[in-house]
């Protein structure tokens, strides 16, 4: 077997069956994309501002020859639904920690072959979905999500740069065609017509809005039960209708994530947050982001005014309470 086959087999033994390879090179073709996003003011606070870090993998490994992209399916149950909900990707253990464990094993295996290997899990600014598409894992849909054949867009992505020269895979042709279901369904019109993804405005994507530190009043009613993340464009996508479910045990949903209770989340304390929510992929933003989103949804869905918040110990929470009172004219 070739080295490529060896790596694929090792990944398969570890439960990973969507893996691809591409040449390690500078992605000059993305310059116009990033330049336009910057000119249109579409960058957000989570994005790297330095262009070279986005397009040049040699910053991370000077003698890199191949980039390996690996998809980690995370959807365990496609029947979870309720008035209030967390995004599907947050249901199980924090994916950053899960992917790092797997990627370390794969890098150790490659290093055992006498090669260099460096893994990335949200730890660099390289365009992981674009790289995954070059590696043949899937295509980038109009909603900017990578869509794989087996698991749809319900995947996390990890990359490995190695100095091994490995035959690249063929990229996948974009398959959305004339379909615009996700454009019509997006609650904030963040998905825009035109060249796939280039005009999409992540700054008004509800997944981003639920995670940002400060939410403008105009978005309050748009939350519509969303506690962290959105998933609307994924739920309506035809390519996600008959996907295979994940068998990665670490992504099995916690019961408290499947059936969240607003009353509990509005009053979450440090111990409960640490024990039950910090371990998930929504924990990185801290306790008050989850509390805030629960409070907003309580005003929207349950039409309740939580008077105890007038004396909350957090000025941040008190501010949102009074803003909500004013917004809903209570």
C-alpha atoms as a PDB file:
ATOM      1  CA  UNK A   1       0.000   0.000   0.000  1.00  0.00           C
ATOM      2  CA  UNK A   2       1.028   3.620  -0.499  1.00  0.00           C
ATOM      3  CA  UNK A   3       1.588   6.091   2.315  1.00  0.00           C
ATOM      4  CA  UNK A   4      -1.716   7.680   1.338  1.00  0.00           C
ATOM      5  CA  UNK A   5      -3.500   4.343   1.752  1.00  0.00           C
ATOM      6  CA  UNK A   6      -1.764   3.794   5.091  1.00  0.00           C
ATOM      7  CA  UNK A   7      -3.003   7.137   6.437  1.00  0.00           C
ATOM      8  CA  UNK A   8      -6.528   6.535   5.157  1.00  0.00           C
ATOM      9  CA  UNK A   9      -6.568   3.080   6.769  1.00  0.00           C
ATOM     10  CA  UNK A  10      -5.319   4.466  10.093  1.00  0.00           C
ATOM     11  CA  UNK A  11      -8.042   7.125  10.064  1.00  0.00           C
ATOM     12  CA  UNK A  12     -10.639   4.483   9.220  1.00  0.00           C
ATOM     13  CA  UNK A  13      -9.553   2.329  12.156  1.00  0.00           C
ATOM     14  CA  UNK A  14     -10.184   5.379  14.343  1.00  0.00           C
ATOM     15  CA  UNK A  15     -13.694   5.850  12.940  1.00  0.00           C
ATOM     16  CA  UNK A  16     -12.904   8.584  10.411  1.00  0.00           C
ATOM     17  CA  UNK A  17     -13.987   7.791   6.872  1.00  0.00           C
ATOM     18  CA  UNK A  18     -14.025  11.175   5.127  1.00  0.00           C
ATOM     19  CA  UNK A  19     -10.448  12.232   4.438  1.00  0.00           C
ATOM     20  CA  UNK A  20      -8.755  13.949   1.507  1.00  0.00           C
ATOM     21  CA  UNK A  21      -5.428  15.357   0.334  1.00  0.00           C
ATOM     22  CA  UNK A  22      -4.328  18.471  -1.549  1.00  0.00           C
ATOM     23  CA  UNK A  23      -1.112  20.213  -2.445  1.00  0.00           C
ATOM     24  CA  UNK A  24       0.277  22.569   0.184  1.00  0.00           C
ATOM     25  CA  UNK A  25       0.440  25.914  -1.612  1.00  0.00           C
ATOM     26  CA  UNK A  26      -0.428  29.576  -1.237  1.00  0.00           C
ATOM     27  CA  UNK A  27      -4.080  30.187  -2.095  1.00  0.00           C
ATOM     28  CA  UNK A  28      -3.565  33.285  -4.238  1.00  0.00           C
ATOM     29  CA  UNK A  29      -6.962  32.749  -5.869  1.00  0.00           C
ATOM     30  CA  UNK A  30      -8.657  33.758  -2.587  1.00  0.00           C
ATOM     31  CA  UNK A  31      -7.151  37.268  -2.581  1.00  0.00           C
ATOM     32  CA  UNK A  32     -10.162  38.851  -4.366  1.00  0.00           C
ATOM     33  CA  UNK A  33     -12.579  37.077  -2.002  1.00  0.00           C
ATOM     34  CA  UNK A  34     -10.924  38.335   1.179  1.00  0.00           C
ATOM     35  CA  UNK A  35     -10.318  41.774  -0.323  1.00  0.00           C
ATOM     36  CA  UNK A  36     -13.995  42.169  -1.210  1.00  0.00           C
ATOM     37  CA  UNK A  37     -15.131  40.997   2.240  1.00  0.00           C
ATOM     38  CA  UNK A  38     -12.865  43.587   3.820  1.00  0.00           C
ATOM     39  CA  UNK A  39     -14.065  46.413   1.547  1.00  0.00           C
ATOM     40  CA  UNK A  40     -17.718  45.523   2.212  1.00  0.00           C
ATOM     41  CA  UNK A  41     -17.129  45.441   5.967  1.00  0.00           C
ATOM     42  CA  UNK A  42     -18.095  41.762   6.197  1.00  0.00           C
ATOM     43  CA  UNK A  43     -15.255  40.699   8.493  1.00  0.00           C
ATOM     44  CA  UNK A  44     -16.178  40.032  12.115  1.00  0.00           C
ATOM     45  CA  UNK A  45     -14.367  40.034  15.443  1.00  0.00           C
ATOM     46  CA  UNK A  46     -13.479  36.347  15.271  1.00  0.00           C
ATOM     47  CA  UNK A  47     -11.638  36.623  11.949  1.00  0.00           C
ATOM     48  CA  UNK A  48      -7.904  36.970  11.370  1.00  0.00           C
ATOM     49  CA  UNK A  49      -7.142  40.388   9.875  1.00  0.00           C
ATOM     50  CA  UNK A  50      -3.738  39.553   8.349  1.00  0.00           C
ATOM     51  CA  UNK A  51      -4.267  38.221   4.817  1.00  0.00           C
ATOM     52  CA  UNK A  52      -1.087  36.158   4.605  1.00  0.00           C
ATOM     53  CA  UNK A  53      -2.152  34.030   7.580  1.00  0.00           C
ATOM     54  CA  UNK A  54      -5.347  33.168   5.704  1.00  0.00           C
ATOM     55  CA  UNK A  55      -3.809  32.051   2.428  1.00  0.00           C
ATOM     56  CA  UNK A  56      -0.244  30.932   3.164  1.00  0.00           C
ATOM     57  CA  UNK A  57       0.138  27.528   4.898  1.00  0.00           C
ATOM     58  CA  UNK A  58       3.931  27.847   4.729  1.00  0.00           C
ATOM     59  CA  UNK A  59       3.680  30.275   7.656  1.00  0.00           C
ATOM     60  CA  UNK A  60       2.797  27.245   9.751  1.00  0.00           C
ATOM     61  CA  UNK A  61       5.182  24.709   8.140  1.00  0.00           C
ATOM     62  CA  UNK A  62       7.903  26.030   5.817  1.00  0.00           C
ATOM     63  CA  UNK A  63       8.568  22.666   4.176  1.00  0.00           C
ATOM     64  CA  UNK A  64       4.937  21.568   3.956  1.00  0.00           C
ATOM     65  CA  UNK A  65       4.092  19.529   0.862  1.00  0.00           C
ATOM     66  CA  UNK A  66       0.575  18.203   1.493  1.00  0.00           C
ATOM     67  CA  UNK A  67      -2.511  19.307   3.414  1.00  0.00           C
ATOM     68  CA  UNK A  68      -4.764  16.579   4.752  1.00  0.00           C
ATOM     69  CA  UNK A  69      -8.384  17.470   5.520  1.00  0.00           C
ATOM     70  CA  UNK A  70     -10.510  15.261   7.756  1.00  0.00           C
ATOM     71  CA  UNK A  71     -14.251  15.526   8.417  1.00  0.00           C
ATOM     72  CA  UNK A  72     -15.693  14.572  11.799  1.00  0.00           C
ATOM     73  CA  UNK A  73     -19.463  13.895  11.615  1.00  0.00           C
ATOM     74  CA  UNK A  74     -21.279  15.122  14.720  1.00  0.00           C
ATOM     75  CA  UNK A  75     -25.019  14.691  14.174  1.00  0.00           C
ATOM     76  CA  UNK A  76     -26.319  11.976  16.506  1.00  0.00           C
ATOM     77  CA  UNK A  77     -30.046  12.583  16.359  1.00  0.00           C
ATOM     78  CA  UNK A  78     -31.911  14.525  13.682  1.00  0.00           C
ATOM     79  CA  UNK A  79     -35.206  14.443  15.591  1.00  0.00           C
ATOM     80  CA  UNK A  80     -34.240  16.773  18.437  1.00  0.00           C
ATOM     81  CA  UNK A  81     -36.581  19.750  18.418  1.00  0.00           C
ATOM     82  CA  UNK A  82     -38.204  22.163  20.821  1.00  0.00           C
ATOM     83  CA  UNK A  83     -39.196  25.752  21.407  1.00  0.00           C
ATOM     84  CA  UNK A  84     -35.745  26.539  22.737  1.00  0.00           C
ATOM     85  CA  UNK A  85     -32.610  24.786  21.557  1.00  0.00           C
ATOM     86  CA  UNK A  86     -28.865  24.680  21.277  1.00  0.00           C
ATOM     87  CA  UNK A  87     -27.301  24.185  17.846  1.00  0.00           C
ATOM     88  CA  UNK A  88     -26.666  20.515  16.995  1.00  0.00           C
ATOM     89  CA  UNK A  89     -22.915  21.020  17.016  1.00  0.00           C
ATOM     90  CA  UNK A  90     -22.928  21.989  20.706  1.00  0.00           C
ATOM     91  CA  UNK A  91     -24.834  18.938  21.975  1.00  0.00           C
ATOM     92  CA  UNK A  92     -21.878  16.738  22.915  1.00  0.00           C
ATOM     93  CA  UNK A  93     -18.397  17.270  24.273  1.00  0.00           C
ATOM     94  CA  UNK A  94     -16.494  20.375  23.134  1.00  0.00           C
ATOM     95  CA  UNK A  95     -15.430  19.507  19.596  1.00  0.00           C
ATOM     96  CA  UNK A  96     -12.138  21.377  19.900  1.00  0.00           C
ATOM     97  CA  UNK A  97     -10.981  18.939  22.585  1.00  0.00           C
ATOM     98  CA  UNK A  98     -12.357  15.914  20.748  1.00  0.00           C
ATOM     99  CA  UNK A  99     -10.731  16.764  17.424  1.00  0.00           C
ATOM    100  CA  UNK A 100      -7.398  17.560  19.053  1.00  0.00           C
ATOM    101  CA  UNK A 101      -7.276  14.076  20.607  1.00  0.00           C
ATOM    102  CA  UNK A 102      -7.923  12.410  17.250  1.00  0.00           C
ATOM    103  CA  UNK A 103      -5.594  14.698  15.302  1.00  0.00           C
ATOM    104  CA  UNK A 104      -2.744  14.098  17.756  1.00  0.00           C
ATOM    105  CA  UNK A 105      -3.059  10.351  17.137  1.00  0.00           C
ATOM    106  CA  UNK A 106      -2.965  10.813  13.371  1.00  0.00           C
ATOM    107  CA  UNK A 107       0.036  13.150  13.537  1.00  0.00           C
ATOM    108  CA  UNK A 108       1.865  10.693  15.792  1.00  0.00           C
ATOM    109  CA  UNK A 109       1.179   7.975  13.235  1.00  0.00           C
ATOM    110  CA  UNK A 110       2.510  10.122  10.360  1.00  0.00           C
ATOM    111  CA  UNK A 111       5.567  11.069  12.399  1.00  0.00           C
ATOM    112  CA  UNK A 112       6.115   7.360  12.939  1.00  0.00           C
ATOM    113  CA  UNK A 113       6.489   7.078   9.173  1.00  0.00           C
ATOM    114  CA  UNK A 114       9.468   9.445   9.441  1.00  0.00           C
ATOM    115  CA  UNK A 115       7.630  12.590   8.345  1.00  0.00           C
ATOM    116  CA  UNK A 116       6.683  15.919   9.870  1.00  0.00           C
ATOM    117  CA  UNK A 117       3.042  16.542  10.727  1.00  0.00           C
ATOM    118  CA  UNK A 118       1.251  19.478  12.330  1.00  0.00           C
ATOM    119  CA  UNK A 119      -2.475  19.522  13.088  1.00  0.00           C
ATOM    120  CA  UNK A 120      -4.940  22.424  13.184  1.00  0.00           C
ATOM    121  CA  UNK A 121      -8.333  22.633  14.871  1.00  0.00           C
ATOM    122  CA  UNK A 122      -9.589  26.220  14.805  1.00  0.00           C
ATOM    123  CA  UNK A 123      -5.996  27.129  15.680  1.00  0.00           C
ATOM    124  CA  UNK A 124      -5.091  28.953  12.492  1.00  0.00           C
ATOM    125  CA  UNK A 125      -6.687  31.285   9.968  1.00  0.00           C
ATOM    126  CA  UNK A 126      -6.474  29.034   6.922  1.00  0.00           C
ATOM    127  CA  UNK A 127      -9.825  28.583   5.103  1.00  0.00           C
ATOM    128  CA  UNK A 128     -10.698  25.084   6.304  1.00  0.00           C
ATOM    129  CA  UNK A 129     -13.869  24.691   4.212  1.00  0.00           C
ATOM    130  CA  UNK A 130     -12.069  25.766   1.054  1.00  0.00           C
ATOM    131  CA  UNK A 131      -9.229  23.365   1.810  1.00  0.00           C
ATOM    132  CA  UNK A 132     -11.722  20.571   2.464  1.00  0.00           C
ATOM    133  CA  UNK A 133     -13.327  21.226  -0.917  1.00  0.00           C
ATOM    134  CA  UNK A 134      -9.920  21.107  -2.626  1.00  0.00           C
ATOM    135  CA  UNK A 135      -9.297  17.782  -0.876  1.00  0.00           C
ATOM    136  CA  UNK A 136     -12.527  16.379  -2.299  1.00  0.00           C
ATOM    137  CA  UNK A 137     -14.423  16.071   0.980  1.00  0.00           C
ATOM    138  CA  UNK A 138     -17.407  17.968  -0.379  1.00  0.00           C
ATOM    139  CA  UNK A 139     -18.504  21.266  -1.893  1.00  0.00           C
ATOM    140  CA  UNK A 140     -19.162  24.674  -0.358  1.00  0.00           C
ATOM    141  CA  UNK A 141     -22.884  25.444  -0.476  1.00  0.00           C
ATOM    142  CA  UNK A 142     -24.564  28.796  -0.911  1.00  0.00           C
ATOM    143  CA  UNK A 143     -24.737  29.044   2.892  1.00  0.00           C
ATOM    144  CA  UNK A 144     -20.924  28.773   3.046  1.00  0.00           C
ATOM    145  CA  UNK A 145     -21.124  25.352   4.707  1.00  0.00           C
ATOM    146  CA  UNK A 146     -19.057  22.420   3.468  1.00  0.00           C
ATOM    147  CA  UNK A 147     -21.497  19.743   2.317  1.00  0.00           C
ATOM    148  CA  UNK A 148     -20.265  16.138   2.270  1.00  0.00           C
ATOM    149  CA  UNK A 149     -21.961  13.246   0.480  1.00  0.00           C
ATOM    150  CA  UNK A 150     -22.440  11.025   3.555  1.00  0.00           C
ATOM    151  CA  UNK A 151     -22.929  13.470   6.395  1.00  0.00           C
ATOM    152  CA  UNK A 152     -24.182  16.610   4.692  1.00  0.00           C
ATOM    153  CA  UNK A 153     -22.920  19.762   6.406  1.00  0.00           C
ATOM    154  CA  UNK A 154     -22.993  18.226   9.883  1.00  0.00           C
ATOM    155  CA  UNK A 155     -19.215  17.898  10.125  1.00  0.00           C
ATOM    156  CA  UNK A 156     -16.316  19.482  11.963  1.00  0.00           C
ATOM    157  CA  UNK A 157     -13.062  19.900  10.062  1.00  0.00           C
ATOM    158  CA  UNK A 158      -9.451  19.374  11.010  1.00  0.00           C
ATOM    159  CA  UNK A 159      -6.317  19.830   8.920  1.00  0.00           C
ATOM    160  CA  UNK A 160      -2.823  18.369   8.969  1.00  0.00           C
ATOM    161  CA  UNK A 161       0.156  19.832   7.129  1.00  0.00           C
ATOM    162  CA  UNK A 162       2.921  17.320   6.393  1.00  0.00           C
ATOM    163  CA  UNK A 163       6.170  17.276   4.451  1.00  0.00           C
ATOM    164  CA  UNK A 164       5.106  14.049   2.757  1.00  0.00           C
ATOM    165  CA  UNK A 165       4.413  14.345  -0.958  1.00  0.00           C
ATOM    166  CA  UNK A 166       1.012  12.670  -1.414  1.00  0.00           C
ATOM    167  CA  UNK A 167      -1.101  12.476  -4.550  1.00  0.00           C
ATOM    168  CA  UNK A 168      -3.871  15.092  -4.279  1.00  0.00           C
ATOM    169  CA  UNK A 169      -7.568  14.251  -4.584  1.00  0.00           C
ATOM    170  CA  UNK A 170      -9.935  15.940  -7.003  1.00  0.00           C
ATOM    171  CA  UNK A 171     -12.090  18.780  -5.769  1.00  0.00           C
ATOM    172  CA  UNK A 172     -15.888  18.362  -5.799  1.00  0.00           C
ATOM    173  CA  UNK A 173     -18.052  20.382  -8.184  1.00  0.00           C
ATOM    174  CA  UNK A 174     -20.499  22.818  -6.574  1.00  0.00           C
ATOM    175  CA  UNK A 175     -23.923  21.161  -6.577  1.00  0.00           C
ATOM    176  CA  UNK A 176     -26.450  23.728  -5.330  1.00  0.00           C
ATOM    177  CA  UNK A 177     -27.561  24.613  -8.838  1.00  0.00           C
ATOM    178  CA  UNK A 178     -30.636  26.855  -8.847  1.00  0.00           C
ATOM    179  CA  UNK A 179     -31.682  25.852  -5.317  1.00  0.00           C
ATOM    180  CA  UNK A 180     -32.163  28.858  -3.022  1.00  0.00           C
ATOM    181  CA  UNK A 181     -33.961  27.222  -0.100  1.00  0.00           C
ATOM    182  CA  UNK A 182     -31.343  28.340   2.411  1.00  0.00           C
ATOM    183  CA  UNK A 183     -31.522  31.939   1.130  1.00  0.00           C
ATOM    184  CA  UNK A 184     -35.278  32.037   1.660  1.00  0.00           C
ATOM    185  CA  UNK A 185     -35.114  30.357   5.063  1.00  0.00           C
ATOM    186  CA  UNK A 186     -32.346  32.465   6.619  1.00  0.00           C
ATOM    187  CA  UNK A 187     -34.030  34.539   9.382  1.00  0.00           C
ATOM    188  CA  UNK A 188     -31.747  37.548   8.880  1.00  0.00           C
ATOM    189  CA  UNK A 189     -31.043  37.340   5.122  1.00  0.00           C
ATOM    190  CA  UNK A 190     -27.376  36.712   5.821  1.00  0.00           C
ATOM    191  CA  UNK A 191     -27.161  34.410   2.781  1.00  0.00           C
ATOM    192  CA  UNK A 192     -27.065  36.478  -0.377  1.00  0.00           C
ATOM    193  CA  UNK A 193     -27.400  35.770  -4.099  1.00  0.00           C
ATOM    194  CA  UNK A 194     -24.305  35.915  -6.251  1.00  0.00           C
ATOM    195  CA  UNK A 195     -21.034  34.018  -6.434  1.00  0.00           C
ATOM    196  CA  UNK A 196     -21.249  31.324  -3.767  1.00  0.00           C
ATOM    197  CA  UNK A 197     -20.492  32.748  -0.344  1.00  0.00           C
ATOM    198  CA  UNK A 198     -18.662  35.898  -1.387  1.00  0.00           C
ATOM    199  CA  UNK A 199     -21.443  38.326  -0.419  1.00  0.00           C
ATOM    200  CA  UNK A 200     -22.783  36.408   2.586  1.00  0.00           C
ATOM    201  CA  UNK A 201     -22.804  38.552   5.708  1.00  0.00           C
ATOM    202  CA  UNK A 202     -21.631  36.547   8.710  1.00  0.00           C
ATOM    203  CA  UNK A 203     -22.120  39.642  10.874  1.00  0.00           C
ATOM    204  CA  UNK A 204     -25.888  39.171  10.728  1.00  0.00           C
ATOM    205  CA  UNK A 205     -25.872  35.365  10.858  1.00  0.00           C
ATOM    206  CA  UNK A 206     -27.826  34.311  13.954  1.00  0.00           C
ATOM    207  CA  UNK A 207     -25.168  31.764  14.848  1.00  0.00           C
ATOM    208  CA  UNK A 208     -22.709  34.648  15.164  1.00  0.00           C
ATOM    209  CA  UNK A 209     -25.213  36.958  16.850  1.00  0.00           C
ATOM    210  CA  UNK A 210     -25.946  34.430  19.605  1.00  0.00           C
ATOM    211  CA  UNK A 211     -22.210  34.254  20.334  1.00  0.00           C
ATOM    212  CA  UNK A 212     -21.164  37.908  20.160  1.00  0.00           C
ATOM    213  CA  UNK A 213     -20.719  39.874  23.353  1.00  0.00           C
ATOM    214  CA  UNK A 214     -23.235  42.590  22.543  1.00  0.00           C
ATOM    215  CA  UNK A 215     -26.497  42.032  20.673  1.00  0.00           C
ATOM    216  CA  UNK A 216     -28.219  45.021  19.116  1.00  0.00           C
ATOM    217  CA  UNK A 217     -31.884  45.387  20.088  1.00  0.00           C
ATOM    218  CA  UNK A 218     -33.147  44.774  16.549  1.00  0.00           C
ATOM    219  CA  UNK A 219     -32.071  41.111  16.782  1.00  0.00           C
ATOM    220  CA  UNK A 220     -33.919  40.274  20.013  1.00  0.00           C
ATOM    221  CA  UNK A 221     -37.036  38.845  18.376  1.00  0.00           C
ATOM    222  CA  UNK A 222     -34.994  37.006  15.760  1.00  0.00           C
ATOM    223  CA  UNK A 223     -33.494  34.668  18.355  1.00  0.00           C
ATOM    224  CA  UNK A 224     -36.759  32.713  18.325  1.00  0.00           C
ATOM    225  CA  UNK A 225     -35.653  30.030  20.781  1.00  0.00           C
ATOM    226  CA  UNK A 226     -32.008  29.902  19.744  1.00  0.00           C
ATOM    227  CA  UNK A 227     -29.763  29.601  22.792  1.00  0.00           C
ATOM    228  CA  UNK A 228     -26.460  29.226  20.929  1.00  0.00           C
ATOM    229  CA  UNK A 229     -26.078  28.844  17.193  1.00  0.00           C
ATOM    230  CA  UNK A 230     -28.837  28.679  14.588  1.00  0.00           C
ATOM    231  CA  UNK A 231     -28.932  25.645  12.217  1.00  0.00           C
ATOM    232  CA  UNK A 232     -31.798  26.977  10.067  1.00  0.00           C
ATOM    233  CA  UNK A 233     -29.885  26.818   6.773  1.00  0.00           C
ATOM    234  CA  UNK A 234     -28.722  23.308   7.619  1.00  0.00           C
ATOM    235  CA  UNK A 235     -32.175  22.037   8.587  1.00  0.00           C
ATOM    236  CA  UNK A 236     -33.712  23.086   5.258  1.00  0.00           C
ATOM    237  CA  UNK A 237     -30.849  21.966   2.993  1.00  0.00           C
ATOM    238  CA  UNK A 238     -31.887  19.068   0.717  1.00  0.00           C
ATOM    239  CA  UNK A 239     -28.436  17.514   1.117  1.00  0.00           C
ATOM    240  CA  UNK A 240     -29.059  17.155   4.859  1.00  0.00           C
ATOM    241  CA  UNK A 241     -32.350  15.274   4.573  1.00  0.00           C
ATOM    242  CA  UNK A 242     -30.980  11.727   4.510  1.00  0.00           C
ATOM    243  CA  UNK A 243     -27.545  11.978   6.083  1.00  0.00           C
ATOM    244  CA  UNK A 244     -25.745   9.253   7.981  1.00  0.00           C
ATOM    245  CA  UNK A 245     -25.462   9.835  11.710  1.00  0.00           C
ATOM    246  CA  UNK A 246     -22.220  10.069  13.662  1.00  0.00           C
ATOM    247  CA  UNK A 247     -20.735   7.136  15.561  1.00  0.00           C
ATOM    248  CA  UNK A 248     -18.107   9.252  17.311  1.00  0.00           C
ATOM    249  CA  UNK A 249     -19.063   8.595  20.918  1.00  0.00           C
ATOM    250  CA  UNK A 250     -17.779  11.921  22.212  1.00  0.00           C
ATOM    251  CA  UNK A 251     -20.457  13.740  20.212  1.00  0.00           C
ATOM    252  CA  UNK A 252     -23.351  11.866  21.787  1.00  0.00           C
ATOM    253  CA  UNK A 253     -25.670  14.617  23.092  1.00  0.00           C
ATOM    254  CA  UNK A 254     -25.891  15.346  26.789  1.00  0.00           C
ATOM    255  CA  UNK A 255     -29.475  15.075  28.049  1.00  0.00           C
ATOM    256  CA  UNK A 256     -29.461  18.624  29.438  1.00  0.00           C
ATOM    257  CA  UNK A 257     -28.468  19.926  26.002  1.00  0.00           C
ATOM    258  CA  UNK A 258     -31.297  18.052  24.274  1.00  0.00           C
ATOM    259  CA  UNK A 259     -33.993  19.457  26.559  1.00  0.00           C
ATOM    260  CA  UNK A 260     -32.822  22.880  27.799  1.00  0.00           C
ATOM    261  CA  UNK A 261     -34.916  24.699  30.390  1.00  0.00           C
ATOM    262  CA  UNK A 262     -35.052  28.486  30.271  1.00  0.00           C
ATOM    263  CA  UNK A 263     -35.591  28.810  34.012  1.00  0.00           C
ATOM    264  CA  UNK A 264     -32.419  26.830  34.699  1.00  0.00           C
ATOM    265  CA  UNK A 265     -30.353  28.695  32.117  1.00  0.00           C
ATOM    266  CA  UNK A 266     -31.524  32.138  33.249  1.00  0.00           C
ATOM    267  CA  UNK A 267     -30.266  31.388  36.757  1.00  0.00           C
ATOM    268  CA  UNK A 268     -27.187  29.354  35.928  1.00  0.00           C
ATOM    269  CA  UNK A 269     -24.404  29.738  38.504  1.00  0.00           C
ATOM    270  CA  UNK A 270     -20.675  29.135  38.162  1.00  0.00           C
ATOM    271  CA  UNK A 271     -20.802  25.540  39.435  1.00  0.00           C
ATOM    272  CA  UNK A 272     -23.618  24.465  37.126  1.00  0.00           C
ATOM    273  CA  UNK A 273     -21.942  26.162  34.176  1.00  0.00           C
ATOM    274  CA  UNK A 274     -18.639  24.437  34.882  1.00  0.00           C
ATOM    275  CA  UNK A 275     -20.211  21.013  35.443  1.00  0.00           C
ATOM    276  CA  UNK A 276     -22.696  20.963  32.561  1.00  0.00           C
ATOM    277  CA  UNK A 277     -22.000  23.623  29.928  1.00  0.00           C
ATOM    278  CA  UNK A 278     -18.304  24.469  29.911  1.00  0.00           C
ATOM    279  CA  UNK A 279     -17.666  20.933  28.657  1.00  0.00           C
ATOM    280  CA  UNK A 280     -19.656  21.634  25.477  1.00  0.00           C
ATOM    281  CA  UNK A 281     -18.816  23.684  22.386  1.00  0.00           C
ATOM    282  CA  UNK A 282     -20.865  26.625  23.658  1.00  0.00           C
ATOM    283  CA  UNK A 283     -18.894  26.870  26.900  1.00  0.00           C
ATOM    284  CA  UNK A 284     -16.021  28.888  25.469  1.00  0.00           C
ATOM    285  CA  UNK A 285     -18.106  32.087  25.403  1.00  0.00           C
ATOM    286  CA  UNK A 286     -18.795  31.934  29.119  1.00  0.00           C
ATOM    287  CA  UNK A 287     -21.777  31.711  31.421  1.00  0.00           C
ATOM    288  CA  UNK A 288     -23.315  35.135  30.828  1.00  0.00           C
ATOM    289  CA  UNK A 289     -23.709  34.668  27.068  1.00  0.00           C
ATOM    290  CA  UNK A 290     -25.892  31.606  27.705  1.00  0.00           C
ATOM    291  CA  UNK A 291     -27.775  33.427  30.492  1.00  0.00           C
ATOM    292  CA  UNK A 292     -28.382  36.433  28.277  1.00  0.00           C
ATOM    293  CA  UNK A 293     -29.730  34.341  25.402  1.00  0.00           C
ATOM    294  CA  UNK A 294     -32.018  32.448  27.776  1.00  0.00           C
ATOM    295  CA  UNK A 295     -33.360  35.724  29.195  1.00  0.00           C
ATOM    296  CA  UNK A 296     -34.019  37.149  25.725  1.00  0.00           C
ATOM    297  CA  UNK A 297     -35.876  33.985  24.758  1.00  0.00           C
ATOM    298  CA  UNK A 298     -37.900  34.084  27.975  1.00  0.00           C
ATOM    299  CA  UNK A 299     -39.146  37.541  27.010  1.00  0.00           C
ATOM    300  CA  UNK A 300     -39.903  36.392  23.444  1.00  0.00           C
ATOM    301  CA  UNK A 301     -41.356  32.918  23.945  1.00  0.00           C
ATOM    302  CA  UNK A 302     -42.785  32.873  27.433  1.00  0.00           C
ATOM    303  CA  UNK A 303     -43.629  36.589  27.553  1.00  0.00           C
ATOM    304  CA  UNK A 304     -42.283  36.796  31.075  1.00  0.00           C
ATOM    305  CA  UNK A 305     -40.690  39.680  32.924  1.00  0.00           C
ATOM    306  CA  UNK A 306     -38.104  38.355  35.371  1.00  0.00           C
ATOM    307  CA  UNK A 307     -38.176  41.064  38.030  1.00  0.00           C
ATOM    308  CA  UNK A 308     -35.393  39.433  40.058  1.00  0.00           C
ATOM    309  CA  UNK A 309     -32.995  40.509  37.312  1.00  0.00           C
ATOM    310  CA  UNK A 310     -33.366  44.104  38.485  1.00  0.00           C
ATOM    311  CA  UNK A 311     -30.949  43.239  41.285  1.00  0.00           C
ATOM    312  CA  UNK A 312     -28.765  40.747  39.458  1.00  0.00           C
ATOM    313  CA  UNK A 313     -25.124  40.835  40.527  1.00  0.00           C
ATOM    314  CA  UNK A 314     -24.014  41.136  36.898  1.00  0.00           C
ATOM    315  CA  UNK A 315     -24.245  44.652  35.386  1.00  0.00           C
ATOM    316  CA  UNK A 316     -24.148  42.951  31.986  1.00  0.00           C
ATOM    317  CA  UNK A 317     -27.328  40.961  32.717  1.00  0.00           C
ATOM    318  CA  UNK A 318     -29.076  43.940  34.349  1.00  0.00           C
ATOM    319  CA  UNK A 319     -28.408  46.030  31.249  1.00  0.00           C
ATOM    320  CA  UNK A 320     -30.068  43.449  29.001  1.00  0.00           C
ATOM    321  CA  UNK A 321     -33.021  43.204  31.372  1.00  0.00           C
ATOM    322  CA  UNK A 322     -33.782  46.923  31.123  1.00  0.00           C
ATOM    323  CA  UNK A 323     -33.158  46.963  27.381  1.00  0.00           C
ATOM    324  CA  UNK A 324     -35.655  44.120  26.963  1.00  0.00           C
ATOM    325  CA  UNK A 325     -38.226  45.910  29.107  1.00  0.00           C
ATOM    326  CA  UNK A 326     -37.900  48.954  26.889  1.00  0.00           C
ATOM    327  CA  UNK A 327     -37.895  46.976  23.635  1.00  0.00           C
ATOM    328  CA  UNK A 328     -41.035  45.026  24.504  1.00  0.00           C
ATOM    329  CA  UNK A 329     -42.627  48.079  26.155  1.00  0.00           C
ATOM    330  CA  UNK A 330     -43.169  46.301  29.473  1.00  0.00           C
END
